[in-house]
Amino acid sequence: GSLRLSCAASGRTFTSYRMGWFRQA
């Protein structure tokens, strides 16, 4: 099957940045 995760950010803004997804089993 499939899932779609979303990450919503608020607060400071950046001209350039990196967003990552990590997981821990």
PDB file of all heavy atoms in Angstrom:
ATOM      1  N   GLY A   1       0.806  -1.215   0.000  1.00  0.00           N
ATOM      2  CA  GLY A   1       0.000   0.000   0.000  1.00  0.00           C
ATOM      3  C   GLY A   1       0.837   1.262   0.000  1.00  0.00           C
ATOM      4  O   GLY A   1       2.070   1.215  -0.086  1.00  0.00           O
ATOM      5  N   SER A   2       0.139   2.389   0.117  1.00  0.00           N
ATOM      6  CA  SER A   2       0.780   3.699   0.053  1.00  0.00           C
ATOM      7  C   SER A   2       0.309   4.586   1.193  1.00  0.00           C
ATOM      8  O   SER A   2      -0.806   4.438   1.699  1.00  0.00           O
ATOM      9  CB  SER A   2       0.444   4.392  -1.276  1.00  0.00           C
ATOM     10  OG  SER A   2       0.911   3.649  -2.373  1.00  0.00           O
ATOM     11  N   LEU A   3       1.172   5.500   1.568  1.00  0.00           N
ATOM     12  CA  LEU A   3       0.834   6.565   2.516  1.00  0.00           C
ATOM     13  C   LEU A   3       1.533   7.835   2.053  1.00  0.00           C
ATOM     14  O   LEU A   3       2.592   7.770   1.411  1.00  0.00           O
ATOM     15  CB  LEU A   3       1.285   6.228   3.940  1.00  0.00           C
ATOM     16  CG  LEU A   3       0.445   5.257   4.768  1.00  0.00           C
ATOM     17  CD1 LEU A   3       1.157   4.959   6.087  1.00  0.00           C
ATOM     18  CD2 LEU A   3      -0.944   5.804   5.026  1.00  0.00           C
ATOM     19  N   ARG A   4       0.959   8.954   2.432  1.00  0.00           N
ATOM     20  CA  ARG A   4       1.584  10.240   2.148  1.00  0.00           C
ATOM     21  C   ARG A   4       1.741  11.004   3.453  1.00  0.00           C
ATOM     22  O   ARG A   4       0.753  11.310   4.120  1.00  0.00           O
ATOM     23  CB  ARG A   4       0.756  11.052   1.160  1.00  0.00           C
ATOM     24  CG  ARG A   4       1.443  12.320   0.669  1.00  0.00           C
ATOM     25  CD  ARG A   4       0.588  13.017  -0.391  1.00  0.00           C
ATOM     26  NE  ARG A   4       1.259  14.174  -0.965  1.00  0.00           N
ATOM     27  CZ  ARG A   4       2.069  14.118  -2.004  1.00  0.00           C
ATOM     28  NH1 ARG A   4       2.326  12.967  -2.592  1.00  0.00           N
ATOM     29  NH2 ARG A   4       2.634  15.239  -2.471  1.00  0.00           N
ATOM     30  N   LEU A   5       2.979  11.273   3.817  1.00  0.00           N
ATOM     31  CA  LEU A   5       3.265  12.048   5.022  1.00  0.00           C
ATOM     32  C   LEU A   5       3.464  13.506   4.640  1.00  0.00           C
ATOM     33  O   LEU A   5       3.998  13.814   3.576  1.00  0.00           O
ATOM     34  CB  LEU A   5       4.530  11.524   5.707  1.00  0.00           C
ATOM     35  CG  LEU A   5       4.564  10.038   6.071  1.00  0.00           C
ATOM     36  CD1 LEU A   5       5.864   9.720   6.808  1.00  0.00           C
ATOM     37  CD2 LEU A   5       3.366   9.645   6.892  1.00  0.00           C
ATOM     38  N   SER A   6       3.048  14.387   5.538  1.00  0.00           N
ATOM     39  CA  SER A   6       3.255  15.816   5.335  1.00  0.00           C
ATOM     40  C   SER A   6       3.966  16.393   6.543  1.00  0.00           C
ATOM     41  O   SER A   6       3.740  15.958   7.674  1.00  0.00           O
ATOM     42  CB  SER A   6       1.927  16.546   5.135  1.00  0.00           C
ATOM     43  OG  SER A   6       1.375  16.251   3.883  1.00  0.00           O
ATOM     44  N   CYS A   7       4.800  17.381   6.286  1.00  0.00           N
ATOM     45  CA  CYS A   7       5.479  18.094   7.358  1.00  0.00           C
ATOM     46  C   CYS A   7       5.195  19.576   7.166  1.00  0.00           C
ATOM     47  O   CYS A   7       5.595  20.164   6.148  1.00  0.00           O
ATOM     48  CB  CYS A   7       6.976  17.826   7.326  1.00  0.00           C
ATOM     49  SG  CYS A   7       7.884  18.668   8.638  1.00  0.00           S
ATOM     50  N   ALA A   8       4.496  20.158   8.139  1.00  0.00           N
ATOM     51  CA  ALA A   8       4.169  21.575   8.094  1.00  0.00           C
ATOM     52  C   ALA A   8       5.120  22.334   9.003  1.00  0.00           C
ATOM     53  O   ALA A   8       5.305  21.969  10.168  1.00  0.00           O
ATOM     54  CB  ALA A   8       2.727  21.803   8.532  1.00  0.00           C
ATOM     55  N   ALA A   9       5.714  23.371   8.457  1.00  0.00           N
ATOM     56  CA  ALA A   9       6.670  24.178   9.213  1.00  0.00           C
ATOM     57  C   ALA A   9       6.094  25.552   9.499  1.00  0.00           C
ATOM     58  O   ALA A   9       5.411  26.136   8.660  1.00  0.00           O
ATOM     59  CB  ALA A   9       7.980  24.305   8.445  1.00  0.00           C
ATOM     60  N   SER A  10       6.379  26.056  10.678  1.00  0.00           N
ATOM     61  CA  SER A  10       5.964  27.417  11.035  1.00  0.00           C
ATOM     62  C   SER A  10       7.062  28.060  11.864  1.00  0.00           C
ATOM     63  O   SER A  10       7.921  27.384  12.420  1.00  0.00           O
ATOM     64  CB  SER A  10       4.643  27.401  11.812  1.00  0.00           C
ATOM     65  OG  SER A  10       4.787  26.672  13.006  1.00  0.00           O
ATOM     66  N   GLY A  11       7.012  29.372  11.939  1.00  0.00           N
ATOM     67  CA  GLY A  11       8.032  30.102  12.679  1.00  0.00           C
ATOM     68  C   GLY A  11       8.976  30.806  11.728  1.00  0.00           C
ATOM     69  O   GLY A  11       8.566  31.411  10.750  1.00  0.00           O
ATOM     70  N   ARG A  12      10.255  30.682  11.978  1.00  0.00           N
ATOM     71  CA  ARG A  12      11.256  31.336  11.139  1.00  0.00           C
ATOM     72  C   ARG A  12      11.183  30.839   9.705  1.00  0.00           C
ATOM     73  O   ARG A  12      10.827  29.693   9.457  1.00  0.00           O
ATOM     74  CB  ARG A  12      12.660  31.046  11.672  1.00  0.00           C
ATOM     75  CG  ARG A  12      13.060  31.808  12.906  1.00  0.00           C
ATOM     76  CD  ARG A  12      14.490  31.481  13.283  1.00  0.00           C
ATOM     77  NE  ARG A  12      15.435  31.888  12.243  1.00  0.00           N
ATOM     78  CZ  ARG A  12      16.720  31.576  12.246  1.00  0.00           C
ATOM     79  NH1 ARG A  12      17.218  30.835  13.215  1.00  0.00           N
ATOM     80  NH2 ARG A  12      17.510  31.986  11.268  1.00  0.00           N
ATOM     81  N   THR A  13      11.536  31.719   8.798  1.00  0.00           N
ATOM     82  CA  THR A  13      11.640  31.318   7.394  1.00  0.00           C
ATOM     83  C   THR A  13      13.085  31.473   6.957  1.00  0.00           C
ATOM     84  O   THR A  13      13.852  32.259   7.540  1.00  0.00           O
ATOM     85  CB  THR A  13      10.721  32.174   6.510  1.00  0.00           C
ATOM     86  OG1 THR A  13      11.085  33.546   6.659  1.00  0.00           O
ATOM     87  CG2 THR A  13       9.264  31.993   6.907  1.00  0.00           C
ATOM     88  N   PHE A  14      13.447  30.714   5.933  1.00  0.00           N
ATOM     89  CA  PHE A  14      14.812  30.706   5.437  1.00  0.00           C
ATOM     90  C   PHE A  14      14.808  30.858   3.932  1.00  0.00           C
ATOM     91  O   PHE A  14      13.918  30.360   3.248  1.00  0.00           O
ATOM     92  CB  PHE A  14      15.498  29.384   5.814  1.00  0.00           C
ATOM     93  CG  PHE A  14      15.438  29.066   7.281  1.00  0.00           C
ATOM     94  CD1 PHE A  14      14.490  28.188   7.771  1.00  0.00           C
ATOM     95  CD2 PHE A  14      16.322  29.644   8.163  1.00  0.00           C
ATOM     96  CE1 PHE A  14      14.421  27.888   9.116  1.00  0.00           C
ATOM     97  CE2 PHE A  14      16.269  29.358   9.512  1.00  0.00           C
ATOM     98  CZ  PHE A  14      15.315  28.477  10.000  1.00  0.00           C
ATOM     99  N   THR A  15      15.823  31.530   3.428  1.00  0.00           N
ATOM    100  CA  THR A  15      15.950  31.663   1.981  1.00  0.00           C
ATOM    101  C   THR A  15      16.247  30.315   1.347  1.00  0.00           C
ATOM    102  O   THR A  15      15.695  29.962   0.311  1.00  0.00           O
ATOM    103  CB  THR A  15      17.065  32.655   1.639  1.00  0.00           C
ATOM    104  OG1 THR A  15      16.785  33.904   2.267  1.00  0.00           O
ATOM    105  CG2 THR A  15      17.175  32.836   0.131  1.00  0.00           C
ATOM    106  N   SER A  16      17.117  29.593   1.958  1.00  0.00           N
ATOM    107  CA  SER A  16      17.417  28.237   1.508  1.00  0.00           C
ATOM    108  C   SER A  16      17.539  27.350   2.739  1.00  0.00           C
ATOM    109  O   SER A  16      18.029  27.782   3.780  1.00  0.00           O
ATOM    110  CB  SER A  16      18.696  28.208   0.677  1.00  0.00           C
ATOM    111  OG  SER A  16      19.802  28.578   1.461  1.00  0.00           O
ATOM    112  N   TYR A  17      17.082  26.132   2.599  1.00  0.00           N
ATOM    113  CA  TYR A  17      17.121  25.199   3.718  1.00  0.00           C
ATOM    114  C   TYR A  17      16.968  23.795   3.176  1.00  0.00           C
ATOM    115  O   TYR A  17      16.702  23.575   1.988  1.00  0.00           O
ATOM    116  CB  TYR A  17      16.004  25.513   4.726  1.00  0.00           C
ATOM    117  CG  TYR A  17      14.601  25.384   4.174  1.00  0.00           C
ATOM    118  CD1 TYR A  17      13.864  24.215   4.355  1.00  0.00           C
ATOM    119  CD2 TYR A  17      14.028  26.430   3.463  1.00  0.00           C
ATOM    120  CE1 TYR A  17      12.587  24.101   3.847  1.00  0.00           C
ATOM    121  CE2 TYR A  17      12.749  26.314   2.950  1.00  0.00           C
ATOM    122  CZ  TYR A  17      12.022  25.158   3.151  1.00  0.00           C
ATOM    123  OH  TYR A  17      10.758  25.046   2.640  1.00  0.00           O
ATOM    124  N   ARG A  18      17.159  22.872   4.044  1.00  0.00           N
ATOM    125  CA  ARG A  18      16.961  21.478   3.671  1.00  0.00           C
ATOM    126  C   ARG A  18      15.956  20.853   4.646  1.00  0.00           C
ATOM    127  O   ARG A  18      16.052  21.064   5.858  1.00  0.00           O
ATOM    128  CB  ARG A  18      18.273  20.707   3.726  1.00  0.00           C
ATOM    129  CG  ARG A  18      18.163  19.232   3.353  1.00  0.00           C
ATOM    130  CD  ARG A  18      19.534  18.577   3.357  1.00  0.00           C
ATOM    131  NE  ARG A  18      20.372  19.096   2.290  1.00  0.00           N
ATOM    132  CZ  ARG A  18      21.672  19.320   2.415  1.00  0.00           C
ATOM    133  NH1 ARG A  18      22.300  19.077   3.553  1.00  0.00           N
ATOM    134  NH2 ARG A  18      22.370  19.794   1.394  1.00  0.00           N
ATOM    135  N   MET A  19      15.016  20.121   4.100  1.00  0.00           N
ATOM    136  CA  MET A  19      14.101  19.376   4.956  1.00  0.00           C
ATOM    137  C   MET A  19      14.314  17.892   4.707  1.00  0.00           C
ATOM    138  O   MET A  19      14.369  17.454   3.556  1.00  0.00           O
ATOM    139  CB  MET A  19      12.654  19.744   4.698  1.00  0.00           C
ATOM    140  CG  MET A  19      11.701  19.039   5.647  1.00  0.00           C
ATOM    141  SD  MET A  19      10.045  19.753   5.632  1.00  0.00           S
ATOM    142  CE  MET A  19      10.297  21.177   6.655  1.00  0.00           C
ATOM    143  N   GLY A  20      14.428  17.175   5.774  1.00  0.00           N
ATOM    144  CA  GLY A  20      14.674  15.748   5.667  1.00  0.00           C
ATOM    145  C   GLY A  20      13.625  14.938   6.391  1.00  0.00           C
ATOM    146  O   GLY A  20      12.949  15.419   7.291  1.00  0.00           O
ATOM    147  N   TRP A  21      13.497  13.707   5.953  1.00  0.00           N
ATOM    148  CA  TRP A  21      12.672  12.713   6.641  1.00  0.00           C
ATOM    149  C   TRP A  21      13.601  11.611   7.145  1.00  0.00           C
ATOM    150  O   TRP A  21      14.439  11.110   6.383  1.00  0.00           O
ATOM    151  CB  TRP A  21      11.626  12.117   5.704  1.00  0.00           C
ATOM    152  CG  TRP A  21      10.445  13.011   5.454  1.00  0.00           C
ATOM    153  CD1 TRP A  21      10.271  13.859   4.394  1.00  0.00           C
ATOM    154  CD2 TRP A  21       9.285  13.131   6.266  1.00  0.00           C
ATOM    155  NE1 TRP A  21       9.069  14.500   4.504  1.00  0.00           N
ATOM    156  CE2 TRP A  21       8.440  14.070   5.641  1.00  0.00           C
ATOM    157  CE3 TRP A  21       8.851  12.544   7.459  1.00  0.00           C
ATOM    158  CZ2 TRP A  21       7.206  14.435   6.167  1.00  0.00           C
ATOM    159  CZ3 TRP A  21       7.627  12.901   7.980  1.00  0.00           C
ATOM    160  CH2 TRP A  21       6.822  13.839   7.338  1.00  0.00           C
ATOM    161  N   PHE A  22      13.430  11.281   8.392  1.00  0.00           N
ATOM    162  CA  PHE A  22      14.172  10.196   9.016  1.00  0.00           C
ATOM    163  C   PHE A  22      13.146   9.240   9.623  1.00  0.00           C
ATOM    164  O   PHE A  22      11.986   9.597   9.810  1.00  0.00           O
ATOM    165  CB  PHE A  22      15.095  10.731  10.112  1.00  0.00           C
ATOM    166  CG  PHE A  22      16.247  11.556   9.592  1.00  0.00           C
ATOM    167  CD1 PHE A  22      16.048  12.869   9.162  1.00  0.00           C
ATOM    168  CD2 PHE A  22      17.522  11.028   9.526  1.00  0.00           C
ATOM    169  CE1 PHE A  22      17.097  13.628   8.674  1.00  0.00           C
ATOM    170  CE2 PHE A  22      18.585  11.774   9.055  1.00  0.00           C
ATOM    171  CZ  PHE A  22      18.367  13.069   8.619  1.00  0.00           C
ATOM    172  N   ARG A  23      13.591   8.055   9.970  1.00  0.00           N
ATOM    173  CA  ARG A  23      12.695   7.111  10.636  1.00  0.00           C
ATOM    174  C   ARG A  23      13.474   6.304  11.664  1.00  0.00           C
ATOM    175  O   ARG A  23      14.676   6.114  11.547  1.00  0.00           O
ATOM    176  CB  ARG A  23      12.029   6.187   9.613  1.00  0.00           C
ATOM    177  CG  ARG A  23      12.976   5.230   8.895  1.00  0.00           C
ATOM    178  CD  ARG A  23      12.227   4.478   7.796  1.00  0.00           C
ATOM    179  NE  ARG A  23      13.094   3.527   7.104  1.00  0.00           N
ATOM    180  CZ  ARG A  23      12.726   2.829   6.041  1.00  0.00           C
ATOM    181  NH1 ARG A  23      11.514   2.987   5.529  1.00  0.00           N
ATOM    182  NH2 ARG A  23      13.574   1.991   5.475  1.00  0.00           N
ATOM    183  N   GLN A  24      12.711   5.837  12.647  1.00  0.00           N
ATOM    184  CA  GLN A  24      13.309   5.014  13.687  1.00  0.00           C
ATOM    185  C   GLN A  24      12.368   3.867  14.000  1.00  0.00           C
ATOM    186  O   GLN A  24      11.228   4.081  14.441  1.00  0.00           O
ATOM    187  CB  GLN A  24      13.596   5.824  14.946  1.00  0.00           C
ATOM    188  CG  GLN A  24      14.358   5.055  15.991  1.00  0.00           C
ATOM    189  CD  GLN A  24      14.923   5.952  17.074  1.00  0.00           C
ATOM    190  OE1 GLN A  24      14.453   7.053  17.291  1.00  0.00           O
ATOM    191  NE2 GLN A  24      15.954   5.462  17.757  1.00  0.00           N
ATOM    192  N   ALA A  25      12.852   2.666  13.750  1.00  0.00           N
ATOM    193  CA  ALA A  25      12.094   1.454  14.058  1.00  0.00           C
ATOM    194  C   ALA A  25      12.437   1.013  15.478  1.00  0.00           C
ATOM    195  O   ALA A  25      13.502   1.351  15.995  1.00  0.00           O
ATOM    196  CB  ALA A  25      12.434   0.360  13.050  1.00  0.00           C
TER     197      ALA A  25
END
